[in-house]
Each structure stands twice: as C-alpha cells, then as structure tokens.
Amino acid sequence: RLIEIVQAFGYEAVVEKEVPGFIENRILYAILRECLALVEQGV
C-alpha cells in the first residue's frame, strides 16, 4: 500500500531490507568519510 501511495505522487519507491542507515545514508556516509580523510590529510 505504501509503495502505491509513493507511486501515486510520482516518486520512485526503493524497497529495502532493514539495515542501519538504510541504503542512501550508508553510501553517503562512506563518501563523506573518504572526503573528510582526504581533506584532513591535505590531499
């Protein structure tokens, strides 16, 4: 039912299993971690 509602207002529903941070934030925070390390190292 929730997927149908999401689709009713034209959005993409990404169906996931339950993991800490879900998909988007896991990927985002992995990128941010590497970016911060590179800045800290003066790269």
PDB file of all heavy atoms in Angstrom:
ATOM      1  N   ARG A   1       0.820  -1.209   0.000  1.00  0.00           N
ATOM      2  CA  ARG A   1       0.000   0.000   0.000  1.00  0.00           C
ATOM      3  C   ARG A   1       0.851   1.255   0.000  1.00  0.00           C
ATOM      4  O   ARG A   1       0.547   2.233  -0.698  1.00  0.00           O
ATOM      5  CB  ARG A   1      -0.934  -0.004   1.208  1.00  0.00           C
ATOM      6  CG  ARG A   1      -2.085  -1.020   1.114  1.00  0.00           C
ATOM      7  CD  ARG A   1      -2.745  -1.215   2.466  1.00  0.00           C
ATOM      8  NE  ARG A   1      -3.264   0.036   3.006  1.00  0.00           N
ATOM      9  CZ  ARG A   1      -3.496   0.231   4.304  1.00  0.00           C
ATOM     10  NH1 ARG A   1      -3.227  -0.719   5.189  1.00  0.00           N
ATOM     11  NH2 ARG A   1      -3.990   1.382   4.720  1.00  0.00           N
ATOM     12  N   LEU A   2       1.941   1.239   0.773  1.00  0.00           N
ATOM     13  CA  LEU A   2       2.802   2.417   0.820  1.00  0.00           C
ATOM     14  C   LEU A   2       3.489   2.635  -0.523  1.00  0.00           C
ATOM     15  O   LEU A   2       3.618   3.776  -0.986  1.00  0.00           O
ATOM     16  CB  LEU A   2       3.839   2.284   1.933  1.00  0.00           C
ATOM     17  CG  LEU A   2       4.739   3.506   2.137  1.00  0.00           C
ATOM     18  CD1 LEU A   2       3.911   4.747   2.476  1.00  0.00           C
ATOM     19  CD2 LEU A   2       5.776   3.255   3.219  1.00  0.00           C
ATOM     20  N   ILE A   3       3.922   1.578  -1.169  1.00  0.00           N
ATOM     21  CA  ILE A   3       4.535   1.708  -2.498  1.00  0.00           C
ATOM     22  C   ILE A   3       3.543   2.340  -3.471  1.00  0.00           C
ATOM     23  O   ILE A   3       3.903   3.223  -4.264  1.00  0.00           O
ATOM     24  CB  ILE A   3       5.011   0.336  -3.007  1.00  0.00           C
ATOM     25  CG1 ILE A   3       6.208  -0.152  -2.175  1.00  0.00           C
ATOM     26  CG2 ILE A   3       5.395   0.411  -4.486  1.00  0.00           C
ATOM     27  CD1 ILE A   3       6.589  -1.586  -2.437  1.00  0.00           C
ATOM     28  N   GLU A   4       2.283   1.932  -3.406  1.00  0.00           N
ATOM     29  CA  GLU A   4       1.262   2.513  -4.286  1.00  0.00           C
ATOM     30  C   GLU A   4       1.082   3.995  -4.015  1.00  0.00           C
ATOM     31  O   GLU A   4       0.906   4.790  -4.952  1.00  0.00           O
ATOM     32  CB  GLU A   4      -0.061   1.781  -4.085  1.00  0.00           C
ATOM     33  CG  GLU A   4      -0.093   0.368  -4.649  1.00  0.00           C
ATOM     34  CD  GLU A   4      -1.434  -0.302  -4.463  1.00  0.00           C
ATOM     35  OE1 GLU A   4      -2.397   0.394  -4.053  1.00  0.00           O
ATOM     36  OE2 GLU A   4      -1.534  -1.511  -4.711  1.00  0.00           O
ATOM     37  N   ILE A   5       1.124   4.391  -2.747  1.00  0.00           N
ATOM     38  CA  ILE A   5       0.987   5.808  -2.409  1.00  0.00           C
ATOM     39  C   ILE A   5       2.171   6.597  -2.969  1.00  0.00           C
ATOM     40  O   ILE A   5       1.993   7.660  -3.574  1.00  0.00           O
ATOM     41  CB  ILE A   5       0.888   5.993  -0.876  1.00  0.00           C
ATOM     42  CG1 ILE A   5      -0.443   5.428  -0.363  1.00  0.00           C
ATOM     43  CG2 ILE A   5       1.017   7.468  -0.504  1.00  0.00           C
ATOM     44  CD1 ILE A   5      -0.541   5.373   1.151  1.00  0.00           C
ATOM     45  N   VAL A   6       3.380   6.078  -2.780  1.00  0.00           N
ATOM     46  CA  VAL A   6       4.574   6.753  -3.282  1.00  0.00           C
ATOM     47  C   VAL A   6       4.477   6.924  -4.802  1.00  0.00           C
ATOM     48  O   VAL A   6       4.767   8.000  -5.346  1.00  0.00           O
ATOM     49  CB  VAL A   6       5.842   5.963  -2.895  1.00  0.00           C
ATOM     50  CG1 VAL A   6       7.071   6.523  -3.609  1.00  0.00           C
ATOM     51  CG2 VAL A   6       6.055   5.993  -1.382  1.00  0.00           C
ATOM     52  N   GLN A   7       4.060   5.888  -5.471  1.00  0.00           N
ATOM     53  CA  GLN A   7       3.926   5.956  -6.931  1.00  0.00           C
ATOM     54  C   GLN A   7       2.810   6.901  -7.353  1.00  0.00           C
ATOM     55  O   GLN A   7       2.888   7.511  -8.422  1.00  0.00           O
ATOM     56  CB  GLN A   7       3.697   4.557  -7.488  1.00  0.00           C
ATOM     57  CG  GLN A   7       4.914   3.641  -7.326  1.00  0.00           C
ATOM     58  CD  GLN A   7       4.637   2.200  -7.711  1.00  0.00           C
ATOM     59  OE1 GLN A   7       3.475   1.766  -7.775  1.00  0.00           O
ATOM     60  NE2 GLN A   7       5.689   1.442  -7.941  1.00  0.00           N
ATOM     61  N   ALA A   8       1.797   7.053  -6.489  1.00  0.00           N
ATOM     62  CA  ALA A   8       0.672   7.938  -6.816  1.00  0.00           C
ATOM     63  C   ALA A   8       1.111   9.397  -6.894  1.00  0.00           C
ATOM     64  O   ALA A   8       0.508  10.192  -7.625  1.00  0.00           O
ATOM     65  CB  ALA A   8      -0.449   7.781  -5.782  1.00  0.00           C
ATOM     66  N   PHE A   9       2.156   9.789  -6.153  1.00  0.00           N
ATOM     67  CA  PHE A   9       2.641  11.157  -6.313  1.00  0.00           C
ATOM     68  C   PHE A   9       3.947  11.206  -7.115  1.00  0.00           C
ATOM     69  O   PHE A   9       4.734  12.153  -7.043  1.00  0.00           O
ATOM     70  CB  PHE A   9       2.748  11.916  -4.977  1.00  0.00           C
ATOM     71  CG  PHE A   9       3.562  11.276  -3.881  1.00  0.00           C
ATOM     72  CD1 PHE A   9       4.942  11.325  -3.888  1.00  0.00           C
ATOM     73  CD2 PHE A   9       2.928  10.660  -2.823  1.00  0.00           C
ATOM     74  CE1 PHE A   9       5.679  10.772  -2.861  1.00  0.00           C
ATOM     75  CE2 PHE A   9       3.654  10.103  -1.776  1.00  0.00           C
ATOM     76  CZ  PHE A   9       5.035  10.165  -1.794  1.00  0.00           C
ATOM     77  N   GLY A  10       4.151  10.180  -7.951  1.00  0.00           N
ATOM     78  CA  GLY A  10       5.185  10.237  -8.973  1.00  0.00           C
ATOM     79  C   GLY A  10       6.608  10.013  -8.506  1.00  0.00           C
ATOM     80  O   GLY A  10       7.548  10.310  -9.240  1.00  0.00           O
ATOM     81  N   TYR A  11       6.788   9.471  -7.302  1.00  0.00           N
ATOM     82  CA  TYR A  11       8.134   9.213  -6.793  1.00  0.00           C
ATOM     83  C   TYR A  11       8.526   7.755  -7.018  1.00  0.00           C
ATOM     84  O   TYR A  11       7.674   6.888  -7.211  1.00  0.00           O
ATOM     85  CB  TYR A  11       8.200   9.530  -5.295  1.00  0.00           C
ATOM     86  CG  TYR A  11       8.516  10.975  -4.974  1.00  0.00           C
ATOM     87  CD1 TYR A  11       8.119  12.016  -5.815  1.00  0.00           C
ATOM     88  CD2 TYR A  11       9.189  11.315  -3.812  1.00  0.00           C
ATOM     89  CE1 TYR A  11       8.405  13.330  -5.510  1.00  0.00           C
ATOM     90  CE2 TYR A  11       9.472  12.632  -3.490  1.00  0.00           C
ATOM     91  CZ  TYR A  11       9.077  13.642  -4.349  1.00  0.00           C
ATOM     92  OH  TYR A  11       9.363  14.944  -4.049  1.00  0.00           O
ATOM     93  N   GLU A  12       9.828   7.499  -6.992  1.00  0.00           N
ATOM     94  CA  GLU A  12      10.346   6.143  -7.067  1.00  0.00           C
ATOM     95  C   GLU A  12      10.401   5.554  -5.662  1.00  0.00           C
ATOM     96  O   GLU A  12      10.943   6.177  -4.739  1.00  0.00           O
ATOM     97  CB  GLU A  12      11.765   6.147  -7.666  1.00  0.00           C
ATOM     98  CG  GLU A  12      11.842   6.639  -9.094  1.00  0.00           C
ATOM     99  CD  GLU A  12      11.436   5.571 -10.094  1.00  0.00           C
ATOM    100  OE1 GLU A  12      11.291   4.403  -9.690  1.00  0.00           O
ATOM    101  OE2 GLU A  12      11.280   5.918 -11.282  1.00  0.00           O
ATOM    102  N   ALA A  13       9.851   4.366  -5.490  1.00  0.00           N
ATOM    103  CA  ALA A  13       9.915   3.660  -4.211  1.00  0.00           C
ATOM    104  C   ALA A  13      11.075   2.667  -4.264  1.00  0.00           C
ATOM    105  O   ALA A  13      11.087   1.768  -5.101  1.00  0.00           O
ATOM    106  CB  ALA A  13       8.607   2.934  -3.927  1.00  0.00           C
ATOM    107  N   VAL A  14      12.065   2.856  -3.392  1.00  0.00           N
ATOM    108  CA  VAL A  14      13.200   1.943  -3.313  1.00  0.00           C
ATOM    109  C   VAL A  14      12.933   0.984  -2.157  1.00  0.00           C
ATOM    110  O   VAL A  14      12.912   1.385  -0.996  1.00  0.00           O
ATOM    111  CB  VAL A  14      14.519   2.712  -3.075  1.00  0.00           C
ATOM    112  CG1 VAL A  14      15.680   1.742  -2.911  1.00  0.00           C
ATOM    113  CG2 VAL A  14      14.773   3.678  -4.229  1.00  0.00           C
ATOM    114  N   VAL A  15      12.695  -0.275  -2.473  1.00  0.00           N
ATOM    115  CA  VAL A  15      12.315  -1.268  -1.472  1.00  0.00           C
ATOM    116  C   VAL A  15      13.571  -1.923  -0.914  1.00  0.00           C
ATOM    117  O   VAL A  15      14.387  -2.463  -1.673  1.00  0.00           O
ATOM    118  CB  VAL A  15      11.366  -2.324  -2.073  1.00  0.00           C
ATOM    119  CG1 VAL A  15      10.957  -3.345  -1.019  1.00  0.00           C
ATOM    120  CG2 VAL A  15      10.132  -1.635  -2.664  1.00  0.00           C
ATOM    121  N   GLU A  16      13.739  -1.856   0.400  1.00  0.00           N
ATOM    122  CA  GLU A  16      14.977  -2.310   1.026  1.00  0.00           C
ATOM    123  C   GLU A  16      14.707  -3.226   2.210  1.00  0.00           C
ATOM    124  O   GLU A  16      13.652  -3.157   2.828  1.00  0.00           O
ATOM    125  CB  GLU A  16      15.769  -1.102   1.553  1.00  0.00           C
ATOM    126  CG  GLU A  16      16.041  -0.033   0.536  1.00  0.00           C
ATOM    127  CD  GLU A  16      16.631   1.214   1.183  1.00  0.00           C
ATOM    128  OE1 GLU A  16      17.071   1.133   2.352  1.00  0.00           O
ATOM    129  OE2 GLU A  16      16.637   2.276   0.514  1.00  0.00           O
ATOM    130  N   LYS A  17      15.722  -4.024   2.535  1.00  0.00           N
ATOM    131  CA  LYS A  17      15.729  -4.727   3.803  1.00  0.00           C
ATOM    132  C   LYS A  17      16.262  -3.779   4.872  1.00  0.00           C
ATOM    133  O   LYS A  17      16.935  -2.789   4.580  1.00  0.00           O
ATOM    134  CB  LYS A  17      16.597  -5.980   3.723  1.00  0.00           C
ATOM    135  CG  LYS A  17      16.034  -7.056   2.810  1.00  0.00           C
ATOM    136  CD  LYS A  17      16.910  -8.308   2.828  1.00  0.00           C
ATOM    137  CE  LYS A  17      16.306  -9.385   1.941  1.00  0.00           C
ATOM    138  NZ  LYS A  17      17.154 -10.617   1.917  1.00  0.00           N
ATOM    139  N   GLU A  18      15.979  -4.087   6.113  1.00  0.00           N
ATOM    140  CA  GLU A  18      16.344  -3.220   7.228  1.00  0.00           C
ATOM    141  C   GLU A  18      17.818  -3.384   7.592  1.00  0.00           C
ATOM    142  O   GLU A  18      18.247  -4.450   8.031  1.00  0.00           O
ATOM    143  CB  GLU A  18      15.463  -3.573   8.429  1.00  0.00           C
ATOM    144  CG  GLU A  18      15.622  -2.676   9.625  1.00  0.00           C
ATOM    145  CD  GLU A  18      14.670  -3.070  10.741  1.00  0.00           C
ATOM    146  OE1 GLU A  18      14.326  -4.264  10.833  1.00  0.00           O
ATOM    147  OE2 GLU A  18      14.288  -2.195  11.519  1.00  0.00           O
ATOM    148  N   VAL A  19      18.591  -2.317   7.367  1.00  0.00           N
ATOM    149  CA  VAL A  19      19.995  -2.268   7.799  1.00  0.00           C
ATOM    150  C   VAL A  19      20.227  -0.876   8.384  1.00  0.00           C
ATOM    151  O   VAL A  19      19.586   0.088   7.965  1.00  0.00           O
ATOM    152  CB  VAL A  19      20.990  -2.525   6.646  1.00  0.00           C
ATOM    153  CG1 VAL A  19      20.887  -3.951   6.142  1.00  0.00           C
ATOM    154  CG2 VAL A  19      20.784  -1.537   5.501  1.00  0.00           C
ATOM    155  N   PRO A  20      21.142  -0.736   9.360  1.00  0.00           N
ATOM    156  CA  PRO A  20      21.400   0.581   9.952  1.00  0.00           C
ATOM    157  C   PRO A  20      21.773   1.601   8.883  1.00  0.00           C
ATOM    158  O   PRO A  20      22.636   1.361   8.041  1.00  0.00           O
ATOM    159  CB  PRO A  20      22.572   0.313  10.903  1.00  0.00           C
ATOM    160  CG  PRO A  20      22.436  -1.131  11.268  1.00  0.00           C
ATOM    161  CD  PRO A  20      21.927  -1.801  10.025  1.00  0.00           C
ATOM    162  N   GLY A  21      21.098   2.751   8.918  1.00  0.00           N
ATOM    163  CA  GLY A  21      21.387   3.813   7.954  1.00  0.00           C
ATOM    164  C   GLY A  21      20.666   3.684   6.628  1.00  0.00           C
ATOM    165  O   GLY A  21      20.685   4.620   5.830  1.00  0.00           O
ATOM    166  N   PHE A  22      20.054   2.499   6.383  1.00  0.00           N
ATOM    167  CA  PHE A  22      19.410   2.234   5.096  1.00  0.00           C
ATOM    168  C   PHE A  22      20.436   2.383   3.968  1.00  0.00           C
ATOM    169  O   PHE A  22      21.639   2.410   4.213  1.00  0.00           O
ATOM    170  CB  PHE A  22      18.181   3.124   4.888  1.00  0.00           C
ATOM    171  CG  PHE A  22      17.233   3.148   6.064  1.00  0.00           C
ATOM    172  CD1 PHE A  22      16.547   4.292   6.411  1.00  0.00           C
ATOM    173  CD2 PHE A  22      17.049   2.016   6.850  1.00  0.00           C
ATOM    174  CE1 PHE A  22      15.679   4.322   7.493  1.00  0.00           C
ATOM    175  CE2 PHE A  22      16.189   2.030   7.938  1.00  0.00           C
ATOM    176  CZ  PHE A  22      15.504   3.184   8.261  1.00  0.00           C
ATOM    177  N   ILE A  23      19.994   2.442   2.723  1.00  0.00           N
ATOM    178  CA  ILE A  23      20.941   2.458   1.607  1.00  0.00           C
ATOM    179  C   ILE A  23      21.548   3.845   1.398  1.00  0.00           C
ATOM    180  O   ILE A  23      22.760   4.013   1.336  1.00  0.00           O
ATOM    181  CB  ILE A  23      20.269   2.000   0.299  1.00  0.00           C
ATOM    182  CG1 ILE A  23      19.896   0.521   0.379  1.00  0.00           C
ATOM    183  CG2 ILE A  23      21.211   2.231  -0.882  1.00  0.00           C
ATOM    184  CD1 ILE A  23      19.141   0.030  -0.839  1.00  0.00           C
ATOM    185  N   GLU A  24      20.689   4.847   1.300  1.00  0.00           N
ATOM    186  CA  GLU A  24      21.168   6.179   0.918  1.00  0.00           C
ATOM    187  C   GLU A  24      22.231   6.691   1.881  1.00  0.00           C
ATOM    188  O   GLU A  24      23.304   7.150   1.465  1.00  0.00           O
ATOM    189  CB  GLU A  24      20.006   7.167   0.848  1.00  0.00           C
ATOM    190  CG  GLU A  24      20.445   8.548   0.374  1.00  0.00           C
ATOM    191  CD  GLU A  24      19.330   9.565   0.383  1.00  0.00           C
ATOM    192  OE1 GLU A  24      18.262   9.312   0.981  1.00  0.00           O
ATOM    193  OE2 GLU A  24      19.537  10.645  -0.195  1.00  0.00           O
ATOM    194  N   ASN A  25      21.940   6.635   3.175  1.00  0.00           N
ATOM    195  CA  ASN A  25      22.894   7.187   4.134  1.00  0.00           C
ATOM    196  C   ASN A  25      24.141   6.331   4.282  1.00  0.00           C
ATOM    197  O   ASN A  25      25.231   6.853   4.561  1.00  0.00           O
ATOM    198  CB  ASN A  25      22.222   7.396   5.489  1.00  0.00           C
ATOM    199  CG  ASN A  25      21.522   8.744   5.560  1.00  0.00           C
ATOM    200  OD1 ASN A  25      21.860   9.673   4.852  1.00  0.00           O
ATOM    201  ND2 ASN A  25      20.520   8.846   6.410  1.00  0.00           N
ATOM    202  N   ARG A  26      24.034   5.031   4.093  1.00  0.00           N
ATOM    203  CA  ARG A  26      25.238   4.195   4.144  1.00  0.00           C
ATOM    204  C   ARG A  26      26.213   4.606   3.041  1.00  0.00           C
ATOM    205  O   ARG A  26      27.418   4.748   3.274  1.00  0.00           O
ATOM    206  CB  ARG A  26      24.876   2.714   4.010  1.00  0.00           C
ATOM    207  CG  ARG A  26      24.202   2.116   5.227  1.00  0.00           C
ATOM    208  CD  ARG A  26      23.857   0.668   5.001  1.00  0.00           C
ATOM    209  NE  ARG A  26      25.019  -0.196   5.116  1.00  0.00           N
ATOM    210  CZ  ARG A  26      25.372  -0.829   6.224  1.00  0.00           C
ATOM    211  NH1 ARG A  26      24.664  -0.691   7.340  1.00  0.00           N
ATOM    212  NH2 ARG A  26      26.436  -1.617   6.240  1.00  0.00           N
ATOM    213  N   ILE A  27      25.690   4.806   1.839  1.00  0.00           N
ATOM    214  CA  ILE A  27      26.547   5.200   0.720  1.00  0.00           C
ATOM    215  C   ILE A  27      27.056   6.624   0.909  1.00  0.00           C
ATOM    216  O   ILE A  27      28.248   6.915   0.722  1.00  0.00           O
ATOM    217  CB  ILE A  27      25.788   5.052  -0.610  1.00  0.00           C
ATOM    218  CG1 ILE A  27      25.456   3.566  -0.857  1.00  0.00           C
ATOM    219  CG2 ILE A  27      26.594   5.628  -1.767  1.00  0.00           C
ATOM    220  CD1 ILE A  27      24.506   3.331  -1.997  1.00  0.00           C
ATOM    221  N   LEU A  28      26.150   7.527   1.315  1.00  0.00           N
ATOM    222  CA  LEU A  28      26.545   8.918   1.518  1.00  0.00           C
ATOM    223  C   LEU A  28      27.642   9.036   2.576  1.00  0.00           C
ATOM    224  O   LEU A  28      28.629   9.743   2.380  1.00  0.00           O
ATOM    225  CB  LEU A  28      25.332   9.749   1.918  1.00  0.00           C
ATOM    226  CG  LEU A  28      25.616  11.203   2.309  1.00  0.00           C
ATOM    227  CD1 LEU A  28      26.229  11.966   1.141  1.00  0.00           C
ATOM    228  CD2 LEU A  28      24.339  11.881   2.784  1.00  0.00           C
ATOM    229  N   TYR A  29      27.473   8.333   3.695  1.00  0.00           N
ATOM    230  CA  TYR A  29      28.448   8.466   4.777  1.00  0.00           C
ATOM    231  C   TYR A  29      29.783   7.809   4.427  1.00  0.00           C
ATOM    232  O   TYR A  29      30.837   8.240   4.907  1.00  0.00           O
ATOM    233  CB  TYR A  29      27.871   7.928   6.086  1.00  0.00           C
ATOM    234  CG  TYR A  29      27.065   8.998   6.810  1.00  0.00           C
ATOM    235  CD1 TYR A  29      25.864   9.458   6.285  1.00  0.00           C
ATOM    236  CD2 TYR A  29      27.529   9.571   7.980  1.00  0.00           C
ATOM    237  CE1 TYR A  29      25.139  10.453   6.919  1.00  0.00           C
ATOM    238  CE2 TYR A  29      26.814  10.568   8.625  1.00  0.00           C
ATOM    239  CZ  TYR A  29      25.618  11.008   8.096  1.00  0.00           C
ATOM    240  OH  TYR A  29      24.909  12.002   8.716  1.00  0.00           O
ATOM    241  N   ALA A  30      29.755   6.796   3.587  1.00  0.00           N
ATOM    242  CA  ALA A  30      31.014   6.221   3.106  1.00  0.00           C
ATOM    243  C   ALA A  30      31.763   7.241   2.252  1.00  0.00           C
ATOM    244  O   ALA A  30      32.989   7.400   2.370  1.00  0.00           O
ATOM    245  CB  ALA A  30      30.744   4.955   2.305  1.00  0.00           C
ATOM    246  N   ILE A  31      31.033   7.959   1.403  1.00  0.00           N
ATOM    247  CA  ILE A  31      31.654   9.010   0.585  1.00  0.00           C
ATOM    248  C   ILE A  31      32.189  10.132   1.470  1.00  0.00           C
ATOM    249  O   ILE A  31      33.319  10.596   1.312  1.00  0.00           O
ATOM    250  CB  ILE A  31      30.649   9.554  -0.444  1.00  0.00           C
ATOM    251  CG1 ILE A  31      30.306   8.484  -1.484  1.00  0.00           C
ATOM    252  CG2 ILE A  31      31.193  10.808  -1.135  1.00  0.00           C
ATOM    253  CD1 ILE A  31      29.168   8.869  -2.406  1.00  0.00           C
ATOM    254  N   LEU A  32      31.362  10.578   2.429  1.00  0.00           N
ATOM    255  CA  LEU A  32      31.780  11.672   3.300  1.00  0.00           C
ATOM    256  C   LEU A  32      32.995  11.292   4.140  1.00  0.00           C
ATOM    257  O   LEU A  32      33.884  12.122   4.363  1.00  0.00           O
ATOM    258  CB  LEU A  32      30.612  12.086   4.210  1.00  0.00           C
ATOM    259  CG  LEU A  32      29.411  12.729   3.512  1.00  0.00           C
ATOM    260  CD1 LEU A  32      28.303  12.998   4.519  1.00  0.00           C
ATOM    261  CD2 LEU A  32      29.803  14.027   2.805  1.00  0.00           C
ATOM    262  N   ARG A  33      33.056  10.043   4.593  1.00  0.00           N
ATOM    263  CA  ARG A  33      34.204   9.601   5.379  1.00  0.00           C
ATOM    264  C   ARG A  33      35.501   9.713   4.564  1.00  0.00           C
ATOM    265  O   ARG A  33      36.505  10.230   5.049  1.00  0.00           O
ATOM    266  CB  ARG A  33      34.003   8.158   5.842  1.00  0.00           C
ATOM    267  CG  ARG A  33      35.181   7.600   6.635  1.00  0.00           C
ATOM    268  CD  ARG A  33      34.900   6.225   7.195  1.00  0.00           C
ATOM    269  NE  ARG A  33      34.734   5.228   6.148  1.00  0.00           N
ATOM    270  CZ  ARG A  33      34.519   3.929   6.398  1.00  0.00           C
ATOM    271  NH1 ARG A  33      34.404   3.497   7.640  1.00  0.00           N
ATOM    272  NH2 ARG A  33      34.368   3.070   5.398  1.00  0.00           N
ATOM    273  N   GLU A  34      35.451   9.264   3.314  1.00  0.00           N
ATOM    274  CA  GLU A  34      36.642   9.341   2.463  1.00  0.00           C
ATOM    275  C   GLU A  34      36.996  10.795   2.148  1.00  0.00           C
ATOM    276  O   GLU A  34      38.177  11.172   2.148  1.00  0.00           O
ATOM    277  CB  GLU A  34      36.417   8.554   1.177  1.00  0.00           C
ATOM    278  CG  GLU A  34      37.654   8.397   0.315  1.00  0.00           C
ATOM    279  CD  GLU A  34      38.759   7.588   1.007  1.00  0.00           C
ATOM    280  OE1 GLU A  34      38.438   6.661   1.790  1.00  0.00           O
ATOM    281  OE2 GLU A  34      39.943   7.914   0.772  1.00  0.00           O
ATOM    282  N   CYS A  35      35.977  11.617   1.902  1.00  0.00           N
ATOM    283  CA  CYS A  35      36.231  13.031   1.611  1.00  0.00           C
ATOM    284  C   CYS A  35      36.896  13.722   2.789  1.00  0.00           C
ATOM    285  O   CYS A  35      37.868  14.480   2.624  1.00  0.00           O
ATOM    286  CB  CYS A  35      34.916  13.735   1.267  1.00  0.00           C
ATOM    287  SG  CYS A  35      34.210  13.277  -0.326  1.00  0.00           S
ATOM    288  N   LEU A  36      36.396  13.487   4.001  1.00  0.00           N
ATOM    289  CA  LEU A  36      36.975  14.111   5.186  1.00  0.00           C
ATOM    290  C   LEU A  36      38.413  13.643   5.404  1.00  0.00           C
ATOM    291  O   LEU A  36      39.287  14.436   5.777  1.00  0.00           O
ATOM    292  CB  LEU A  36      36.114  13.795   6.413  1.00  0.00           C
ATOM    293  CG  LEU A  36      34.776  14.552   6.471  1.00  0.00           C
ATOM    294  CD1 LEU A  36      33.847  13.903   7.489  1.00  0.00           C
ATOM    295  CD2 LEU A  36      35.004  16.022   6.810  1.00  0.00           C
ATOM    296  N   ALA A  37      38.667  12.359   5.155  1.00  0.00           N
ATOM    297  CA  ALA A  37      40.029  11.831   5.316  1.00  0.00           C
ATOM    298  C   ALA A  37      40.984  12.516   4.351  1.00  0.00           C
ATOM    299  O   ALA A  37      42.115  12.874   4.718  1.00  0.00           O
ATOM    300  CB  ALA A  37      40.026  10.317   5.102  1.00  0.00           C
ATOM    301  N   LEU A  38      40.558  12.733   3.126  1.00  0.00           N
ATOM    302  CA  LEU A  38      41.419  13.376   2.127  1.00  0.00           C
ATOM    303  C   LEU A  38      41.711  14.838   2.484  1.00  0.00           C
ATOM    304  O   LEU A  38      42.828  15.323   2.291  1.00  0.00           O
ATOM    305  CB  LEU A  38      40.773  13.281   0.744  1.00  0.00           C
ATOM    306  CG  LEU A  38      40.708  11.862   0.147  1.00  0.00           C
ATOM    307  CD1 LEU A  38      39.811  11.841  -1.075  1.00  0.00           C
ATOM    308  CD2 LEU A  38      42.100  11.357  -0.199  1.00  0.00           C
ATOM    309  N   VAL A  39      40.693  15.532   3.005  1.00  0.00           N
ATOM    310  CA  VAL A  39      40.910  16.922   3.425  1.00  0.00           C
ATOM    311  C   VAL A  39      41.847  16.964   4.627  1.00  0.00           C
ATOM    312  O   VAL A  39      42.773  17.779   4.695  1.00  0.00           O
ATOM    313  CB  VAL A  39      39.571  17.615   3.740  1.00  0.00           C
ATOM    314  CG1 VAL A  39      39.806  18.988   4.367  1.00  0.00           C
ATOM    315  CG2 VAL A  39      38.737  17.772   2.467  1.00  0.00           C
ATOM    316  N   GLU A  40      41.613  16.068   5.598  1.00  0.00           N
ATOM    317  CA  GLU A  40      42.476  16.014   6.788  1.00  0.00           C
ATOM    318  C   GLU A  40      43.937  15.736   6.414  1.00  0.00           C
ATOM    319  O   GLU A  40      44.861  16.284   7.024  1.00  0.00           O
ATOM    320  CB  GLU A  40      41.993  14.922   7.743  1.00  0.00           C
ATOM    321  CG  GLU A  40      40.817  15.329   8.608  1.00  0.00           C
ATOM    322  CD  GLU A  40      40.514  14.273   9.653  1.00  0.00           C
ATOM    323  OE1 GLU A  40      40.272  13.109   9.275  1.00  0.00           O
ATOM    324  OE2 GLU A  40      40.523  14.616  10.848  1.00  0.00           O
ATOM    325  N   GLN A  41      44.134  14.897   5.422  1.00  0.00           N
ATOM    326  CA  GLN A  41      45.490  14.538   5.001  1.00  0.00           C
ATOM    327  C   GLN A  41      46.143  15.622   4.139  1.00  0.00           C
ATOM    328  O   GLN A  41      47.318  15.508   3.766  1.00  0.00           O
ATOM    329  CB  GLN A  41      45.458  13.220   4.225  1.00  0.00           C
ATOM    330  CG  GLN A  41      45.066  12.009   5.055  1.00  0.00           C
ATOM    331  CD  GLN A  41      44.654  10.820   4.194  1.00  0.00           C
ATOM    332  OE1 GLN A  41      44.992  10.755   3.008  1.00  0.00           O
ATOM    333  NE2 GLN A  41      43.921   9.885   4.775  1.00  0.00           N
ATOM    334  N   GLY A  42      45.380  16.661   3.803  1.00  0.00           N
ATOM    335  CA  GLY A  42      45.930  17.738   2.987  1.00  0.00           C
ATOM    336  C   GLY A  42      46.034  17.403   1.513  1.00  0.00           C
ATOM    337  O   GLY A  42      46.737  18.086   0.765  1.00  0.00           O
ATOM    338  N   VAL A  43      45.317  16.356   1.079  1.00  0.00           N
ATOM    339  CA  VAL A  43      45.365  15.961  -0.333  1.00  0.00           C
ATOM    340  C   VAL A  43      44.717  17.032  -1.215  1.00  0.00           C
ATOM    341  O   VAL A  43      45.162  17.290  -2.331  1.00  0.00           O
ATOM    342  CB  VAL A  43      44.672  14.590  -0.527  1.00  0.00           C
ATOM    343  CG1 VAL A  43      44.575  14.232  -2.006  1.00  0.00           C
ATOM    344  CG2 VAL A  43      45.414  13.505   0.244  1.00  0.00           C
TER     345      VAL A  43
END
